[in-house]
Amino acid sequence: MPRRSCEIRLSVDVEDDDLAGVADDGIVPPRSFHGWLGLLATLDALLAAVPSAADVAGAPDEPPMPHGGGS
């Protein structure tokens, strides 16, 4: 499987053992989640949307940059 990488920002609210928040990779719209399984499903969906380096034209060895250029 080709290498893929991305940067994901998390905003998490925790109360007791319950959590909710938003995950944003800067490429697809931010995804909200609730609970630990919701967080895992959100991360899985964001990672599945990351193109491999071979899919990115002109950047065969570089991971895709988030929307907006970087920090």
PDB file of N, CA and C in Angstrom:
ATOM      1  N   MET A   1       0.852  -1.179   0.000  1.00  0.00           N
ATOM      2  CA  MET A   1       0.000   0.000   0.000  1.00  0.00           C
ATOM      3  C   MET A   1       0.895   1.239   0.000  1.00  0.00           C
ATOM      4  N   PRO A   2       0.606   2.227  -0.861  1.00  0.00           N
ATOM      5  CA  PRO A   2       1.425   3.436  -0.906  1.00  0.00           C
ATOM      6  C   PRO A   2       1.302   4.242   0.386  1.00  0.00           C
ATOM      7  N   ARG A   3       2.354   4.981   0.681  1.00  0.00           N
ATOM      8  CA  ARG A   3       2.367   5.804   1.885  1.00  0.00           C
ATOM      9  C   ARG A   3       1.433   6.996   1.705  1.00  0.00           C
ATOM     10  N   ARG A   4       0.682   7.294   2.762  1.00  0.00           N
ATOM     11  CA  ARG A   4      -0.189   8.465   2.794  1.00  0.00           C
ATOM     12  C   ARG A   4      -0.005   9.142   4.142  1.00  0.00           C
ATOM     13  N   SER A   5      -0.078  10.446   4.162  1.00  0.00           N
ATOM     14  CA  SER A   5      -0.024  11.148   5.441  1.00  0.00           C
ATOM     15  C   SER A   5      -0.839  12.431   5.351  1.00  0.00           C
ATOM     16  N   CYS A   6      -1.294  12.891   6.507  1.00  0.00           N
ATOM     17  CA  CYS A   6      -2.017  14.153   6.577  1.00  0.00           C
ATOM     18  C   CYS A   6      -1.913  14.687   7.997  1.00  0.00           C
ATOM     19  N   GLU A   7      -2.261  15.935   8.149  1.00  0.00           N
ATOM     20  CA  GLU A   7      -2.298  16.564   9.462  1.00  0.00           C
ATOM     21  C   GLU A   7      -3.761  16.775   9.817  1.00  0.00           C
ATOM     22  N   ILE A   8      -4.153  16.330  11.009  1.00  0.00           N
ATOM     23  CA  ILE A   8      -5.542  16.452  11.451  1.00  0.00           C
ATOM     24  C   ILE A   8      -5.565  17.240  12.757  1.00  0.00           C
ATOM     25  N   ARG A   9      -6.383  18.287  12.805  1.00  0.00           N
ATOM     26  CA  ARG A   9      -6.555  19.074  14.022  1.00  0.00           C
ATOM     27  C   ARG A   9      -7.813  18.604  14.740  1.00  0.00           C
ATOM     28  N   LEU A  10      -7.695  18.410  16.046  1.00  0.00           N
ATOM     29  CA  LEU A  10      -8.834  17.969  16.850  1.00  0.00           C
ATOM     30  C   LEU A  10      -9.217  19.050  17.849  1.00  0.00           C
ATOM     31  N   SER A  11     -10.493  19.279  17.977  1.00  0.00           N
ATOM     32  CA  SER A  11     -11.046  20.102  19.040  1.00  0.00           C
ATOM     33  C   SER A  11     -11.946  19.163  19.836  1.00  0.00           C
ATOM     34  N   VAL A  12     -11.589  18.928  21.102  1.00  0.00           N
ATOM     35  CA  VAL A  12     -12.274  17.899  21.890  1.00  0.00           C
ATOM     36  C   VAL A  12     -12.789  18.483  23.201  1.00  0.00           C
ATOM     37  N   ASP A  13     -14.048  18.193  23.518  1.00  0.00           N
ATOM     38  CA  ASP A  13     -14.640  18.513  24.812  1.00  0.00           C
ATOM     39  C   ASP A  13     -14.826  17.200  25.558  1.00  0.00           C
ATOM     40  N   VAL A  14     -14.320  17.147  26.804  1.00  0.00           N
ATOM     41  CA  VAL A  14     -14.404  15.919  27.598  1.00  0.00           C
ATOM     42  C   VAL A  14     -15.166  16.209  28.886  1.00  0.00           C
ATOM     43  N   GLU A  15     -16.137  15.358  29.180  1.00  0.00           N
ATOM     44  CA  GLU A  15     -16.860  15.430  30.442  1.00  0.00           C
ATOM     45  C   GLU A  15     -16.977  14.012  30.974  1.00  0.00           C
ATOM     46  N   ASP A  16     -16.359  13.763  32.126  1.00  0.00           N
ATOM     47  CA  ASP A  16     -16.231  12.410  32.667  1.00  0.00           C
ATOM     48  C   ASP A  16     -15.534  11.547  31.618  1.00  0.00           C
ATOM     49  N   ASP A  17     -16.150  10.472  31.164  1.00  0.00           N
ATOM     50  CA  ASP A  17     -15.530   9.625  30.129  1.00  0.00           C
ATOM     51  C   ASP A  17     -16.195   9.845  28.773  1.00  0.00           C
ATOM     52  N   ASP A  18     -16.986  10.898  28.658  1.00  0.00           N
ATOM     53  CA  ASP A  18     -17.691  11.197  27.412  1.00  0.00           C
ATOM     54  C   ASP A  18     -16.946  12.303  26.675  1.00  0.00           C
ATOM     55  N   LEU A  19     -16.788  12.157  25.369  1.00  0.00           N
ATOM     56  CA  LEU A  19     -16.138  13.206  24.606  1.00  0.00           C
ATOM     57  C   LEU A  19     -16.896  13.484  23.327  1.00  0.00           C
ATOM     58  N   ALA A  20     -16.712  14.694  22.844  1.00  0.00           N
ATOM     59  CA  ALA A  20     -17.307  15.136  21.584  1.00  0.00           C
ATOM     60  C   ALA A  20     -16.388  16.197  21.018  1.00  0.00           C
ATOM     61  N   GLY A  21     -16.441  16.374  19.716  1.00  0.00           N
ATOM     62  CA  GLY A  21     -15.591  17.391  19.129  1.00  0.00           C
ATOM     63  C   GLY A  21     -15.660  17.419  17.626  1.00  0.00           C
ATOM     64  N   VAL A  22     -14.626  18.043  17.049  1.00  0.00           N
ATOM     65  CA  VAL A  22     -14.531  18.233  15.607  1.00  0.00           C
ATOM     66  C   VAL A  22     -13.120  17.888  15.167  1.00  0.00           C
ATOM     67  N   ALA A  23     -13.012  17.164  14.049  1.00  0.00           N
ATOM     68  CA  ALA A  23     -11.723  16.850  13.433  1.00  0.00           C
ATOM     69  C   ALA A  23     -11.672  17.558  12.088  1.00  0.00           C
ATOM     70  N   ASP A  24     -10.538  18.217  11.818  1.00  0.00           N
ATOM     71  CA  ASP A  24     -10.406  19.007  10.595  1.00  0.00           C
ATOM     72  C   ASP A  24      -9.038  18.764   9.981  1.00  0.00           C
ATOM     73  N   ASP A  25      -9.020  18.331   8.720  1.00  0.00           N
ATOM     74  CA  ASP A  25      -7.744  18.142   8.028  1.00  0.00           C
ATOM     75  C   ASP A  25      -7.450  19.292   7.076  1.00  0.00           C
ATOM     76  N   GLY A  26      -8.332  20.272   6.982  1.00  0.00           N
ATOM     77  CA  GLY A  26      -8.119  21.416   6.117  1.00  0.00           C
ATOM     78  C   GLY A  26      -8.380  21.131   4.648  1.00  0.00           C
ATOM     79  N   ILE A  27      -8.791  19.922   4.315  1.00  0.00           N
ATOM     80  CA  ILE A  27      -9.039  19.559   2.921  1.00  0.00           C
ATOM     81  C   ILE A  27     -10.530  19.314   2.706  1.00  0.00           C
ATOM     82  N   VAL A  28     -11.090  18.370   3.441  1.00  0.00           N
ATOM     83  CA  VAL A  28     -12.531  18.112   3.363  1.00  0.00           C
ATOM     84  C   VAL A  28     -13.205  18.898   4.489  1.00  0.00           C
ATOM     85  N   PRO A  29     -14.521  19.110   4.428  1.00  0.00           N
ATOM     86  CA  PRO A  29     -15.188  19.852   5.502  1.00  0.00           C
ATOM     87  C   PRO A  29     -14.941  19.197   6.863  1.00  0.00           C
ATOM     88  N   PRO A  30     -14.828  20.010   7.931  1.00  0.00           N
ATOM     89  CA  PRO A  30     -14.628  19.454   9.277  1.00  0.00           C
ATOM     90  C   PRO A  30     -15.731  18.460   9.617  1.00  0.00           C
ATOM     91  N   ARG A  31     -15.351  17.426  10.367  1.00  0.00           N
ATOM     92  CA  ARG A  31     -16.305  16.374  10.755  1.00  0.00           C
ATOM     93  C   ARG A  31     -16.448  16.374  12.269  1.00  0.00           C
ATOM     94  N   SER A  32     -17.694  16.415  12.734  1.00  0.00           N
ATOM     95  CA  SER A  32     -17.922  16.335  14.170  1.00  0.00           C
ATOM     96  C   SER A  32     -18.075  14.876  14.577  1.00  0.00           C
ATOM     97  N   PHE A  33     -17.804  14.606  15.855  1.00  0.00           N
ATOM     98  CA  PHE A  33     -17.912  13.242  16.375  1.00  0.00           C
ATOM     99  C   PHE A  33     -18.414  13.296  17.810  1.00  0.00           C
ATOM    100  N   HIS A  34     -18.916  12.160  18.265  1.00  0.00           N
ATOM    101  CA  HIS A  34     -19.370  12.011  19.643  1.00  0.00           C
ATOM    102  C   HIS A  34     -18.953  10.631  20.122  1.00  0.00           C
ATOM    103  N   GLY A  35     -18.260  10.564  21.230  1.00  0.00           N
ATOM    104  CA  GLY A  35     -17.826   9.292  21.796  1.00  0.00           C
ATOM    105  C   GLY A  35     -16.533   8.786  21.166  1.00  0.00           C
ATOM    106  N   TRP A  36     -15.954   7.788  21.846  1.00  0.00           N
ATOM    107  CA  TRP A  36     -14.683   7.217  21.384  1.00  0.00           C
ATOM    108  C   TRP A  36     -14.832   6.538  20.027  1.00  0.00           C
ATOM    109  N   LEU A  37     -15.919   5.801  19.838  1.00  0.00           N
ATOM    110  CA  LEU A  37     -16.118   5.149  18.540  1.00  0.00           C
ATOM    111  C   LEU A  37     -16.363   6.171  17.441  1.00  0.00           C
ATOM    112  N   GLY A  38     -17.046   7.253  17.779  1.00  0.00           N
ATOM    113  CA  GLY A  38     -17.249   8.325  16.805  1.00  0.00           C
ATOM    114  C   GLY A  38     -15.933   8.969  16.394  1.00  0.00           C
ATOM    115  N   LEU A  39     -15.022   9.151  17.362  1.00  0.00           N
ATOM    116  CA  LEU A  39     -13.697   9.695  17.052  1.00  0.00           C
ATOM    117  C   LEU A  39     -12.946   8.759  16.115  1.00  0.00           C
ATOM    118  N   LEU A  40     -12.965   7.460  16.414  1.00  0.00           N
ATOM    119  CA  LEU A  40     -12.276   6.491  15.549  1.00  0.00           C
ATOM    120  C   LEU A  40     -12.875   6.465  14.148  1.00  0.00           C
ATOM    121  N   ALA A  41     -14.199   6.498  14.054  1.00  0.00           N
ATOM    122  CA  ALA A  41     -14.847   6.490  12.738  1.00  0.00           C
ATOM    123  C   ALA A  41     -14.506   7.757  11.951  1.00  0.00           C
ATOM    124  N   THR A  42     -14.446   8.892  12.637  1.00  0.00           N
ATOM    125  CA  THR A  42     -14.099  10.154  11.982  1.00  0.00           C
ATOM    126  C   THR A  42     -12.669  10.123  11.473  1.00  0.00           C
ATOM    127  N   LEU A  43     -11.730   9.648  12.300  1.00  0.00           N
ATOM    128  CA  LEU A  43     -10.335   9.539  11.857  1.00  0.00           C
ATOM    129  C   LEU A  43     -10.218   8.587  10.675  1.00  0.00           C
ATOM    130  N   ASP A  44     -10.926   7.471  10.730  1.00  0.00           N
ATOM    131  CA  ASP A  44     -10.891   6.505   9.632  1.00  0.00           C
ATOM    132  C   ASP A  44     -11.396   7.141   8.335  1.00  0.00           C
ATOM    133  N   ALA A  45     -12.485   7.898   8.413  1.00  0.00           N
ATOM    134  CA  ALA A  45     -13.039   8.543   7.218  1.00  0.00           C
ATOM    135  C   ALA A  45     -12.087   9.598   6.661  1.00  0.00           C
ATOM    136  N   LEU A  46     -11.462  10.387   7.533  1.00  0.00           N
ATOM    137  CA  LEU A  46     -10.520  11.403   7.063  1.00  0.00           C
ATOM    138  C   LEU A  46      -9.300  10.762   6.413  1.00  0.00           C
ATOM    139  N   LEU A  47      -8.779   9.709   7.018  1.00  0.00           N
ATOM    140  CA  LEU A  47      -7.603   9.042   6.448  1.00  0.00           C
ATOM    141  C   LEU A  47      -7.932   8.348   5.134  1.00  0.00           C
ATOM    142  N   ALA A  48      -9.144   7.839   4.998  1.00  0.00           N
ATOM    143  CA  ALA A  48      -9.537   7.182   3.749  1.00  0.00           C
ATOM    144  C   ALA A  48      -9.610   8.181   2.600  1.00  0.00           C
ATOM    145  N   ALA A  49      -9.831   9.459   2.905  1.00  0.00           N
ATOM    146  CA  ALA A  49      -9.946  10.485   1.870  1.00  0.00           C
ATOM    147  C   ALA A  49      -8.595  11.039   1.430  1.00  0.00           C
ATOM    148  N   VAL A  50      -7.504  10.667   2.120  1.00  0.00           N
ATOM    149  CA  VAL A  50      -6.175  11.185   1.777  1.00  0.00           C
ATOM    150  C   VAL A  50      -5.652  10.459   0.545  1.00  0.00           C
ATOM    151  N   PRO A  51      -5.305  11.206  -0.504  1.00  0.00           N
ATOM    152  CA  PRO A  51      -4.752  10.544  -1.695  1.00  0.00           C
ATOM    153  C   PRO A  51      -3.336  10.053  -1.427  1.00  0.00           C
ATOM    154  N   SER A  52      -2.942   9.005  -2.122  1.00  0.00           N
ATOM    155  CA  SER A  52      -1.559   8.538  -2.008  1.00  0.00           C
ATOM    156  C   SER A  52      -0.668   9.505  -2.766  1.00  0.00           C
ATOM    157  N   ALA A  53       0.626   9.468  -2.483  1.00  0.00           N
ATOM    158  CA  ALA A  53       1.574  10.348  -3.160  1.00  0.00           C
ATOM    159  C   ALA A  53       1.530  10.126  -4.667  1.00  0.00           C
ATOM    160  N   ALA A  54       1.295   8.897  -5.108  1.00  0.00           N
ATOM    161  CA  ALA A  54       1.232   8.595  -6.541  1.00  0.00           C
ATOM    162  C   ALA A  54       0.013   9.244  -7.194  1.00  0.00           C
ATOM    163  N   ASP A  55      -1.037   9.515  -6.405  1.00  0.00           N
ATOM    164  CA  ASP A  55      -2.241  10.139  -6.939  1.00  0.00           C
ATOM    165  C   ASP A  55      -2.113  11.655  -7.064  1.00  0.00           C
ATOM    166  N   VAL A  56      -1.133  12.236  -6.391  1.00  0.00           N
ATOM    167  CA  VAL A  56      -0.961  13.681  -6.391  1.00  0.00           C
ATOM    168  C   VAL A  56       0.003  14.058  -7.507  1.00  0.00           C
ATOM    169  N   ALA A  57      -0.492  14.713  -8.528  1.00  0.00           N
ATOM    170  CA  ALA A  57       0.335  15.080  -9.685  1.00  0.00           C
ATOM    171  C   ALA A  57       1.421  16.066  -9.278  1.00  0.00           C
ATOM    172  N   GLY A  58       2.644  15.795  -9.718  1.00  0.00           N
ATOM    173  CA  GLY A  58       3.755  16.702  -9.471  1.00  0.00           C
ATOM    174  C   GLY A  58       4.391  16.569  -8.109  1.00  0.00           C
ATOM    175  N   ALA A  59       3.918  15.675  -7.271  1.00  0.00           N
ATOM    176  CA  ALA A  59       4.503  15.508  -5.937  1.00  0.00           C
ATOM    177  C   ALA A  59       4.576  14.036  -5.580  1.00  0.00           C
ATOM    178  N   PRO A  60       5.369  13.235  -6.298  1.00  0.00           N
ATOM    179  CA  PRO A  60       5.377  11.800  -6.054  1.00  0.00           C
ATOM    180  C   PRO A  60       5.897  11.383  -4.687  1.00  0.00           C
ATOM    181  N   ASP A  61       6.744  12.165  -4.045  1.00  0.00           N
ATOM    182  CA  ASP A  61       7.307  11.770  -2.757  1.00  0.00           C
ATOM    183  C   ASP A  61       6.873  12.671  -1.615  1.00  0.00           C
ATOM    184  N   GLU A  62       5.939  13.579  -1.854  1.00  0.00           N
ATOM    185  CA  GLU A  62       5.548  14.535  -0.842  1.00  0.00           C
ATOM    186  C   GLU A  62       4.110  14.292  -0.402  1.00  0.00           C
ATOM    187  N   PRO A  63       3.829  14.372   0.918  1.00  0.00           N
ATOM    188  CA  PRO A  63       2.443  14.242   1.371  1.00  0.00           C
ATOM    189  C   PRO A  63       1.648  15.469   0.953  1.00  0.00           C
ATOM    190  N   PRO A  64       0.331  15.327   0.770  1.00  0.00           N
ATOM    191  CA  PRO A  64      -0.484  16.479   0.393  1.00  0.00           C
ATOM    192  C   PRO A  64      -0.488  17.525   1.498  1.00  0.00           C
ATOM    193  N   MET A  65      -0.505  18.784   1.111  1.00  0.00           N
ATOM    194  CA  MET A  65      -0.546  19.884   2.072  1.00  0.00           C
ATOM    195  C   MET A  65      -1.997  20.207   2.396  1.00  0.00           C
ATOM    196  N   PRO A  66      -2.263  20.628   3.644  1.00  0.00           N
ATOM    197  CA  PRO A  66      -3.621  21.030   3.987  1.00  0.00           C
ATOM    198  C   PRO A  66      -4.030  22.264   3.196  1.00  0.00           C
ATOM    199  N   HIS A  67      -5.324  22.442   3.041  1.00  0.00           N
ATOM    200  CA  HIS A  67      -5.865  23.620   2.357  1.00  0.00           C
ATOM    201  C   HIS A  67      -5.346  24.876   3.048  1.00  0.00           C
ATOM    202  N   GLY A  68      -4.968  25.867   2.324  1.00  0.00           N
ATOM    203  CA  GLY A  68      -4.505  27.106   2.927  1.00  0.00           C
ATOM    204  C   GLY A  68      -3.000  27.177   3.034  1.00  0.00           C
ATOM    205  N   GLY A  69      -2.259  26.146   2.640  1.00  0.00           N
ATOM    206  CA  GLY A  69      -0.813  26.214   2.559  1.00  0.00           C
ATOM    207  C   GLY A  69      -0.061  25.700   3.747  1.00  0.00           C
ATOM    208  N   GLY A  70      -0.483  25.740   4.905  1.00  0.00           N
ATOM    209  CA  GLY A  70       0.312  25.285   6.042  1.00  0.00           C
ATOM    210  C   GLY A  70       0.008  26.156   7.235  1.00  0.00           C
ATOM    211  N   SER A  71       0.989  26.330   8.128  1.00  0.00           N
ATOM    212  CA  SER A  71       0.700  27.086   9.321  1.00  0.00           C
ATOM    213  C   SER A  71       0.666  28.495   9.011  1.00  0.00           C
TER     214      SER A  71
END
